[in-house]
Amino acid sequence: MKKSVIIIISFLLALLLTGCFSEPDYNFGYIDKSGNFVIEPQFDMALPFHEDMAAVMIGNSLFSRWGYINLSGEMVIDYEYERARGFYEGLSPVMKDEKWIFINKQGNKAIDGEFLDASVFNGNMAPVKFPDSNKYGYIDINGNTVIKPVFDIASIFSEDLATYGVGTRNPVFGIINRKGEIVAEAKYAYCSAYSERMCVIKESTNPVADWGFLNSDGDIVIKPEFAWASPFNEGLAAVQIDNSMDGKWGYINQKGEFVIEPQFSAALNFSEGLAPVKNDEGKWGFIDKTGTYIIEPQFSAAYEFSQGIAPVSLEE
């Protein structure tokens, strides 16, 4: 499940790095590890696979609809949702009529209740925003409230820890455990989900290089000195060294040492031994853990491998 959580985080990071959601001319399909398309480009957006299904979108940033395909590229749940995430523990959160619900793999509503926001399940818990309190709490897979809605912001659990936020305009973030107890007080401008017993933090809201890493006790273990950072996966984390727009990305180990020197315009997490990176010409390819290209840069956007295939886009 940890890998799946990181894929979610990296997908959100990729949207920021590529800006592809706002582009009408991107065409997504799925490739294998040889770089060959196994599902031809045909979607305006596509998420990584999980539990043999992936959310795909037609439309643009102004109007879009999401549905789900299987590993053969066949439509199994039609385009009817305004937003969609992935299937985890058999359920997926989707937005319909501006309300979030949970559906099963047959496309049927699986949990009573409608929410202002919802994310995926992990370990029988999912964060949701309750309409009556306008706060986040956690439900189990049967829809029972297991942590009361007291948070302004709340993330999915990973490795028994989750991020919570205080405030909505300029929130500060901390860490809670599965009982809802505070592990690290809310004082950071950003906290990621945990992966490999570490989470990414940004110390301040100032535009300075102060991204680093906390351990599961809430202590800083890698000095906040990066311009941006993503969580660890497969022993490596992508970090940016320069706070300028053209700052380069590389990969560090859990000691904070570079094992792949900063050289990329953008970089996402390793998954299944490969990581998507962007070159100076704006094209994405995939490298191995030596920094060698296994799939040459050729795509307008690319996300991590999952279940042996990865979503990538070509410009029309």
Protein backbone atom coordinates (compact mmCIF):
# COMPACT_ATOMS: atom_id res chain seq x y z
CA MET A 1 0.00 0.00 0.00
CA LYS A 2 2.92 2.35 0.70
CA LYS A 3 3.88 2.31 -2.97
CA SER A 4 0.31 3.19 -3.91
CA VAL A 5 0.29 6.17 -1.55
CA ILE A 6 3.49 7.44 -3.14
CA ILE A 7 2.00 7.09 -6.60
CA ILE A 8 -0.87 9.33 -5.53
CA ILE A 9 1.51 11.95 -4.15
CA SER A 10 3.73 11.80 -7.22
CA PHE A 11 0.75 12.15 -9.53
CA LEU A 12 -0.22 15.39 -7.80
CA LEU A 13 3.38 16.59 -8.02
CA ALA A 14 3.47 15.68 -11.69
CA LEU A 15 0.42 17.83 -12.39
CA LEU A 16 2.32 20.78 -10.95
CA LEU A 17 5.53 20.00 -12.82
CA THR A 18 3.92 19.40 -16.20
CA GLY A 19 0.88 21.64 -16.06
CA CYS A 20 -0.70 19.08 -18.35
CA PHE A 21 -4.20 19.21 -16.89
CA SER A 22 -4.76 22.63 -18.39
CA GLU A 23 -3.49 21.60 -21.81
CA PRO A 24 -6.11 20.52 -24.34
CA ASP A 25 -3.62 18.88 -26.71
CA TYR A 26 -2.29 16.07 -24.56
CA ASN A 27 -3.19 12.50 -25.45
CA PHE A 28 -2.61 9.84 -22.79
CA GLY A 29 -2.05 6.13 -23.17
CA TYR A 30 -0.06 3.46 -21.32
CA ILE A 31 3.37 2.00 -22.11
CA ASP A 32 5.23 -1.09 -20.94
CA LYS A 33 8.82 -1.09 -19.70
CA SER A 34 10.11 -1.36 -23.25
CA GLY A 35 8.44 1.95 -24.05
CA ASN A 36 5.80 0.37 -26.28
CA PHE A 37 2.17 1.42 -26.05
CA VAL A 38 -0.05 -1.33 -24.67
CA ILE A 39 -3.07 1.00 -24.44
CA GLU A 40 -3.03 3.51 -27.27
CA PRO A 41 -3.14 7.28 -26.55
CA GLN A 42 -6.79 8.30 -26.41
CA PHE A 43 -7.42 10.00 -23.05
CA ASP A 44 -7.08 13.63 -21.98
CA MET A 45 -5.78 12.47 -18.60
CA ALA A 46 -4.95 9.06 -17.16
CA LEU A 47 -3.98 7.91 -13.67
CA PRO A 48 -1.77 4.93 -12.80
CA PHE A 49 -3.36 1.51 -12.41
CA HIS A 50 -4.21 0.04 -9.04
CA GLU A 51 -6.20 -3.11 -8.32
CA ASP A 52 -6.39 -3.71 -12.10
CA MET A 53 -8.28 -0.48 -12.79
CA ALA A 54 -7.31 3.09 -13.68
CA ALA A 55 -9.24 6.35 -13.75
CA VAL A 56 -9.19 8.12 -17.12
CA MET A 57 -10.62 11.45 -18.22
CA ILE A 58 -12.02 13.10 -21.32
CA GLY A 59 -12.34 16.87 -21.47
CA ASN A 60 -10.23 19.73 -20.19
CA SER A 61 -9.80 21.96 -17.15
CA LEU A 62 -13.16 23.65 -17.81
CA PHE A 63 -15.30 20.56 -18.34
CA SER A 64 -14.34 16.94 -17.91
CA ARG A 65 -15.73 13.52 -17.07
CA TRP A 66 -13.92 10.56 -15.51
CA GLY A 67 -14.44 6.83 -15.85
CA TYR A 68 -12.42 3.64 -15.34
CA ILE A 69 -10.65 1.18 -17.63
CA ASN A 70 -9.17 -2.27 -17.06
CA LEU A 71 -5.67 -3.47 -17.96
CA SER A 72 -6.83 -4.23 -21.50
CA GLY A 73 -7.93 -0.63 -21.97
CA GLU A 74 -11.62 -1.56 -21.95
CA MET A 75 -14.08 0.87 -20.38
CA VAL A 76 -15.56 -0.80 -17.29
CA ILE A 77 -17.16 2.23 -15.61
CA ASP A 78 -18.40 4.90 -18.00
CA TYR A 79 -17.49 8.59 -18.04
CA GLU A 80 -19.92 10.03 -15.50
CA TYR A 81 -17.86 11.58 -12.70
CA GLU A 82 -16.58 15.12 -12.30
CA ARG A 83 -13.50 13.88 -10.48
CA ALA A 84 -12.10 10.47 -9.61
CA ARG A 85 -9.27 8.86 -7.73
CA GLY A 86 -8.11 5.23 -7.74
CA PHE A 87 -9.43 1.97 -6.31
CA TYR A 88 -7.96 1.00 -2.95
CA GLU A 89 -9.32 -1.81 -0.81
CA GLY A 90 -12.03 -2.29 -3.41
CA LEU A 91 -13.46 1.24 -3.31
CA SER A 92 -12.78 4.54 -5.05
CA PRO A 93 -13.83 8.09 -4.13
CA VAL A 94 -15.53 9.95 -6.98
CA MET A 95 -17.27 13.30 -7.30
CA LYS A 96 -20.76 13.38 -8.76
CA ASP A 97 -23.07 16.40 -8.69
CA GLU A 98 -20.35 18.23 -6.73
CA LYS A 99 -20.45 15.68 -3.88
CA TRP A 100 -17.94 12.95 -3.07
CA ILE A 101 -19.10 9.36 -2.68
CA PHE A 102 -17.42 5.95 -2.68
CA ILE A 103 -18.13 3.40 -5.41
CA ASN A 104 -17.23 -0.26 -5.84
CA LYS A 105 -15.74 -1.83 -8.97
CA GLN A 106 -19.19 -2.27 -10.47
CA GLY A 107 -19.74 1.48 -10.29
CA ASN A 108 -22.32 1.23 -7.51
CA LYS A 109 -22.39 3.50 -4.46
CA ALA A 110 -20.78 1.49 -1.66
CA ILE A 111 -20.97 3.74 1.43
CA ASP A 112 -23.92 5.74 2.66
CA GLY A 113 -23.17 9.42 2.89
CA GLU A 114 -21.94 12.28 0.73
CA PHE A 115 -18.88 14.36 1.52
CA LEU A 116 -17.29 17.67 0.59
CA ASP A 117 -14.01 15.85 -0.12
CA ALA A 118 -12.72 12.30 0.14
CA SER A 119 -9.54 10.35 -0.46
CA VAL A 120 -8.64 6.67 -0.74
CA PHE A 121 -8.69 3.94 1.89
CA ASN A 122 -5.56 2.60 3.55
CA GLY A 123 -5.79 0.08 6.36
CA ASN A 124 -9.59 0.44 6.50
CA MET A 125 -9.45 4.22 7.01
CA ALA A 126 -10.06 7.13 4.64
CA PRO A 127 -10.12 10.90 5.25
CA VAL A 128 -13.36 12.65 4.36
CA LYS A 129 -14.68 16.17 4.82
CA PHE A 130 -18.03 16.13 6.60
CA PRO A 131 -20.65 18.63 5.33
CA ASP A 132 -22.18 19.34 8.75
CA SER A 133 -18.90 20.38 10.42
CA ASN A 134 -16.85 21.40 7.36
CA LYS A 135 -14.02 19.45 8.99
CA TYR A 136 -12.05 16.34 8.09
CA GLY A 137 -12.30 13.08 9.98
CA TYR A 138 -11.82 9.41 9.09
CA ILE A 139 -14.28 6.67 8.21
CA ASP A 140 -13.88 2.92 7.89
CA ILE A 141 -14.87 0.88 4.86
CA ASN A 142 -18.40 0.50 6.24
CA GLY A 143 -18.82 4.26 6.54
CA ASN A 144 -18.46 4.41 10.31
CA THR A 145 -16.65 7.43 11.76
CA VAL A 146 -13.44 6.21 13.43
CA ILE A 147 -11.74 9.58 14.00
CA LYS A 148 -14.06 12.51 14.64
CA PRO A 149 -14.06 15.44 12.18
CA VAL A 150 -11.85 17.96 13.96
CA PHE A 151 -9.20 18.74 11.32
CA ASP A 152 -9.09 21.57 8.79
CA ILE A 153 -7.01 19.33 6.50
CA ALA A 154 -6.26 15.61 6.67
CA SER A 155 -4.33 13.16 4.50
CA ILE A 156 -4.50 9.43 3.89
CA PHE A 157 -2.73 7.22 6.40
CA SER A 158 0.55 5.62 5.41
CA GLU A 159 2.69 3.54 7.76
CA ASP A 160 0.12 4.27 10.49
CA LEU A 161 0.70 8.04 10.29
CA ALA A 162 -1.13 10.88 8.54
CA THR A 163 -0.77 14.61 8.00
CA TYR A 164 -3.22 17.02 9.59
CA GLY A 165 -3.55 20.75 8.95
CA VAL A 166 -4.60 23.69 11.10
CA GLY A 167 -6.11 26.63 9.23
CA THR A 168 -7.26 26.91 5.64
CA ARG A 169 -5.72 30.10 4.22
CA ASN A 170 -2.19 29.67 5.49
CA PRO A 171 -2.34 26.23 7.09
CA VAL A 172 0.38 24.64 9.15
CA PHE A 173 0.82 20.89 9.20
CA GLY A 174 1.67 18.19 11.69
CA ILE A 175 1.42 14.42 12.11
CA ILE A 176 -1.18 12.18 13.81
CA ASN A 177 -1.36 8.44 14.47
CA ARG A 178 -4.28 6.12 13.76
CA LYS A 179 -5.90 7.01 17.07
CA GLY A 180 -5.97 10.67 16.04
CA GLU A 181 -3.26 11.51 18.57
CA ILE A 182 -0.70 14.18 17.68
CA VAL A 183 2.80 12.84 16.94
CA ALA A 184 4.25 16.12 15.64
CA GLU A 185 2.66 19.49 16.37
CA ALA A 186 1.38 21.52 13.43
CA LYS A 187 4.15 23.97 12.56
CA TYR A 188 5.26 23.15 9.02
CA ALA A 189 4.13 24.77 5.78
CA TYR A 190 3.81 21.29 4.25
CA CYS A 191 3.97 17.64 5.33
CA SER A 192 3.67 14.69 2.97
CA ALA A 193 2.42 11.20 3.74
CA TYR A 194 5.00 8.88 5.27
CA SER A 195 7.01 6.49 3.13
CA GLU A 196 9.91 4.34 4.27
CA ARG A 197 9.53 5.85 7.74
CA MET A 198 10.10 9.41 6.55
CA CYS A 199 7.92 12.28 5.41
CA VAL A 200 8.73 15.42 3.45
CA ILE A 201 8.33 18.77 5.20
CA LYS A 202 8.67 22.42 4.21
CA GLU A 203 9.57 24.59 7.17
CA SER A 204 8.13 27.94 6.08
CA THR A 205 5.79 29.54 3.58
CA ASN A 206 8.65 31.70 2.28
CA PRO A 207 9.97 30.97 -1.24
CA VAL A 208 13.24 29.56 0.07
CA ALA A 209 14.96 26.18 -0.08
CA ASP A 210 13.77 24.65 3.20
CA TRP A 211 12.38 21.24 2.25
CA GLY A 212 13.65 18.33 4.33
CA PHE A 213 12.58 15.06 5.96
CA LEU A 214 11.14 13.95 9.32
CA ASN A 215 11.32 10.46 10.81
CA SER A 216 8.35 8.67 12.36
CA ASP A 217 9.08 10.30 15.74
CA GLY A 218 8.68 13.75 14.20
CA ASP A 219 12.40 14.56 14.30
CA ILE A 220 14.26 16.16 11.39
CA VAL A 221 16.65 13.56 9.92
CA ILE A 222 17.57 15.20 6.60
CA LYS A 223 18.27 18.90 6.84
CA PRO A 224 15.69 21.21 5.20
CA GLU A 225 17.90 22.58 2.43
CA PHE A 226 16.18 21.58 -0.80
CA ALA A 227 14.05 23.72 -3.10
CA TRP A 228 11.52 20.90 -3.39
CA ALA A 229 11.37 17.25 -2.41
CA SER A 230 9.22 14.17 -2.90
CA PRO A 231 8.84 11.20 -0.53
CA PHE A 232 11.20 8.23 -0.51
CA ASN A 233 10.34 5.17 -2.55
CA GLU A 234 12.58 2.21 -3.28
CA GLY A 235 15.29 3.86 -1.18
CA LEU A 236 15.52 7.10 -3.17
CA ALA A 237 13.82 10.51 -3.13
CA ALA A 238 13.68 13.12 -5.89
CA VAL A 239 14.85 16.56 -4.76
CA GLN A 240 15.42 19.93 -6.39
CA ILE A 241 18.53 21.87 -5.41
CA ASP A 242 17.91 25.38 -6.72
CA ASN A 243 14.90 27.53 -5.89
CA SER A 244 14.90 29.13 -9.35
CA MET A 245 12.46 28.03 -12.05
CA ASP A 246 15.19 26.06 -13.81
CA GLY A 247 16.57 24.39 -10.68
CA LYS A 248 17.77 20.85 -11.37
CA TRP A 249 16.47 17.63 -9.85
CA GLY A 250 18.39 14.58 -8.69
CA TYR A 251 17.97 11.69 -6.25
CA ILE A 252 19.21 11.25 -2.69
CA ASN A 253 19.43 8.23 -0.39
CA GLN A 254 18.16 8.14 3.19
CA LYS A 255 21.40 9.65 4.43
CA GLY A 256 20.70 12.73 2.30
CA GLU A 257 23.53 11.87 -0.12
CA PHE A 258 23.09 12.30 -3.87
CA VAL A 259 23.23 8.99 -5.73
CA ILE A 260 21.98 10.51 -9.00
CA GLU A 261 23.33 14.01 -9.43
CA PRO A 262 20.94 16.93 -10.11
CA GLN A 263 20.57 17.14 -13.89
CA PHE A 264 16.85 16.92 -14.72
CA SER A 265 14.27 19.66 -15.25
CA ALA A 266 11.76 17.59 -13.27
CA ALA A 267 11.76 14.17 -11.62
CA LEU A 268 9.22 11.84 -10.01
CA ASN A 269 9.56 8.80 -7.76
CA PHE A 270 11.04 5.43 -8.56
CA SER A 271 8.50 2.66 -8.94
CA GLU A 272 9.18 -0.85 -10.20
CA GLY A 273 12.82 0.15 -10.68
CA LEU A 274 12.21 3.11 -13.00
CA ALA A 275 11.53 6.83 -12.53
CA PRO A 276 10.06 9.43 -14.91
CA VAL A 277 12.34 12.43 -15.51
CA LYS A 278 12.16 15.46 -17.80
CA ASN A 279 15.08 16.77 -19.85
CA ASP A 280 15.91 20.37 -20.78
CA GLU A 281 13.91 20.03 -24.01
CA GLY A 282 10.76 19.37 -22.01
CA LYS A 283 10.47 15.67 -22.86
CA TRP A 284 9.92 12.89 -20.33
CA GLY A 285 11.66 9.52 -20.27
CA PHE A 286 12.46 6.85 -17.68
CA ILE A 287 15.76 6.17 -15.90
CA ASP A 288 17.03 3.31 -13.76
CA LYS A 289 18.74 3.70 -10.40
CA THR A 290 22.10 4.44 -12.02
CA GLY A 291 20.58 7.45 -13.77
CA THR A 292 20.71 5.73 -17.18
CA TYR A 293 17.82 6.22 -19.58
CA ILE A 294 15.94 2.96 -20.14
CA ILE A 295 13.18 4.67 -22.11
CA GLU A 296 14.44 7.71 -23.99
CA PRO A 297 12.81 11.14 -23.46
CA GLN A 298 9.93 11.44 -25.92
CA PHE A 299 6.74 12.10 -23.93
CA SER A 300 4.97 15.34 -23.04
CA ALA A 301 4.10 13.93 -19.60
CA ALA A 302 4.80 10.69 -17.76
CA TYR A 303 3.92 9.13 -14.43
CA GLU A 304 5.21 6.15 -12.46
CA PHE A 305 4.91 2.50 -13.42
CA SER A 306 2.28 0.46 -11.62
CA GLN A 307 1.29 -3.09 -12.47
CA GLY A 308 3.93 -3.07 -15.20
CA ILE A 309 2.60 -0.11 -17.19
CA ALA A 310 2.76 3.67 -16.94
CA PRO A 311 0.54 6.50 -18.20
CA VAL A 312 2.30 8.83 -20.64
CA SER A 313 1.15 11.48 -23.07
CA LEU A 314 1.98 12.57 -26.57
CA GLU A 315 1.06 15.95 -27.98
CA GLU A 316 -1.56 15.77 -30.69
